[in-house]
Amino acid sequence: RRVDEPEESVVADANALAVDALEAERRGDVPAALELAKRAFDTHPGQAQALLLLYEHRDKLDRDWARKAVFGARTCLGDNVSLLAELARIAKADGDTALYDEAIEMRFQLAPQDAALVQKRLELRTAGSDLSALEQSVRDALAVDRFDHAPTMRAALRRIHELGGDALEPGLRAVERLGGNDPSLVVWVTELSERDARPHMRVLALEHAFARARDADKGHILQTLAAHFRDQGNSAAEARTLVRALAVAPYHPGALERLTEIYSAAGDPDRLMAVLSLRLEAAPHPDDRAARLRDLAAAALHLAGDRNRALGFVQAIIDEAGDDPIRIAFGIRALIALHRPTDVVGLLAEQAMRRDPKGAAPLWIHAVAIAETEAQDKSLALATAIKGLGHTPQSAGLLLAFERLALEIGEFESGRAVYRTLMDRALGMHGRRALAYREARWLQRAGDTRAALDAYAQTFALSPSGGVVFASLEHLAQELGEWEPLIAACMTLAERTSDADTRVRHFARAADLCETEVGSPRRAFEAYLRAWRETGNDGMKTDAHRLAKVLAERSPTDGADAYSAYI
C-alpha cells in the first residue's frame, strides 16, 4: 500500500456510506442521500459513487459542496464538454482566471467547431496580452463556419493592432467572412488599409465598400462617409451623403439628427422642416412625437416666421397627449411661449370642448391654473372653472379649483348656482349625496352656517345614517340653535333602524330636544309615546306619562287628548 493511500477501513466506511446514499436516492429521499454522500466524501474524498451522486444533484447543494462535486467528478470521469462548462462557470464565479482559461481551452480541444465556445475563447484571448495566442484564436474562429459574431472579431483585430501585431491580413479575411454582418468591421479594416493615404483615397475606399455591401449595410457605410466629410469640415458633402443614407435607410435616426443640426446652422427653414417632418413620422413613442412637434413649432416660428403654423404644431402636441399629464404640461408650456396667457386659456378651453369629459378634464385644470397664475386673473380662472364643470362635471380637480376660487373671490351665489346645476346632472343617489355634502362643507367654510345647515339636512335626507353628515348637522344645529333639522334627523334614524335600543336612543333624543329646546311638550309626548309603542321600553312609557301630566296641567283639553292616546 502506498503511503498516501487511505486505510482500508476508511475506504470501507466511505463505501458503506456511499451504498447507503445510493439506497436513499433509490427511495426518493434525496436530502438524506446527499448527507450520506457528503459523509462518504469527508471520509474518503476519492469515493467515486458518492462524488457522482453529489455531482448529479449539485443544483441542490450550496456553493462549496457544488464546487467539490464538480472537481471530484472531473477526477473520476475526466474531461467532457458539459463538465468543463460547469468548471468554467465555477472558475468565473470564483475569479480563478487560470482555471477559467484552462476550462475554456480544454472545451475547445473537445469541440473546436462550437461557435459559441469559439466566441468565448476569442473574447478571453482578446482580454489578455498574449499576441500569439490571440492570433491563433482569430484563425481558429475564422475556420468555424458557424462563427458569425463580427463585433467580437472586430475587438480581437483591434487588440492585435494594439499589441503590435499585423491585423490587416486576418482583418481582410474577416471582412470576406463577416463583413456582411457588421459594416463597422468593413469600415475599420478599410480605415486600417487607408491609414496613411490622403483623405480623398479614404472616400474612394468607403465608396468601394458601399458598392459591394448588402443593402442592409449600405446605410452605415454612408454614415461613416458622412462622418469623414464632417471631420473634413465639408458640411455640404456631409448633407448630400446623409440624404443618400436616407434613400437607403429611411428614417435613419442618426442621419435625421445630423441633418437637423446642419440645416439649423445654415438657417434653411424648408429643408429643416422637411427633415423634422420625417423625424416626426419616424418617432416611435408619444414622448418623441411631442419633442419633434416642439422642434417643428420652433422652426416654424423662429426660422420661417410663421406663428400660426407653429401654433398648429403645439396644438397637435396637446391633442396627441391624451390623458398623459407630462405631455399635456409639455404642450402647454410651448403654448404659453407662443401666446399671451389669456389667449392660452381660451385656446385650451376650445381644445377641451372638442374632447370627451374625461380627456378634457386635464385641459380645463391647466386653463384654470394659467388664468390664475400666468394671467393673474382669478375672475377669469373662476369663470373657466365654471365653464369646465359644465362640460366635465365629474372632475374632482376642477371642482376643488372652483370651490377655492369662489371662496377667495366671494362669489357665493354663483357657487350655489353651480352646485344646483351639478346636483341636477349628478349620476345616482350617491353622486347627488356627495355633491350635497361638498356644498354643505363649502358653505360652512364660506361662513354661511344657516345655508350649510340646510345643505347638511339635504345631504342627510338623501342617505340617512349616523355618520359624519349627521355629526356635522348636529354641530351646526347646536351652534345656531336651529333644532328642527336635528329633530327630523333623529326621528328619521329612529324610523330606519331595527335595533330597539338604538331606536329608543334616537326617539329619546328627538323628544328631549322638543321638550327642552323647542318648548313643545306635546311633540315630546308624541315621540315618547311612539317609542314606547314601537319598542315596549318602560322608560319611554314613564316619560310619556310624565309629559301627559304636564300637558294636563297646562290645558285640560290637551291633557285629556294625551291621556286618551296614552291609554
Foldseek 3Di string as FASTA:
>chain_A
DDPPDDDPVLLVQLVVLLVVLVVCVVVVNNVSSLVSLVVSCVSPVQPQSSLVSCQVVVVPDPLVSNQSSLVNNCVVPPDDQVSLVVQLVNCVVVVVLVSNLVSLVVNCVVPLQPQVSLLVNLLSVLPDLDLVSNVVSLVSNLVHLPNAPLVSSLSSLVSNVVSPHDSQVSLVSCCVRHCQVPVVSQLVSLCVVCVPPDLVVSVVSLVVSLVPYDLVNNLVSLQVSLVSCVVVVNNVVSLVSLVVSCVSPPLPPVSLVVQLVSCVVVLPLVSNLVSLVSPLVVDPDLVSNLVSLQVNLCSCCPRVVNLVVSVVSLVVQCVVCQQPLVSNVSSLVSVVVSDQLVVSLVVLLVVLLVDALVRSLSSLLVSLVSCCPRVVHLVVSLVSLLVSCVRRVPRPSSVVSNLVSCLVVVVLVVVVVSLVVSLVVFDDLVRNLVSLQVNLVSCVVSVVLVVSLVSLLVSCVSPPDPDDSLVSNVVSCVVVLPCPSNLVSLCVQLVPDPDLVSNQVSLQVSLCCCVPRVNHLLVSLVSLLVSCVVRVDVVSLVSNVVSLVVLCVVPVVSSVVSVVSSD
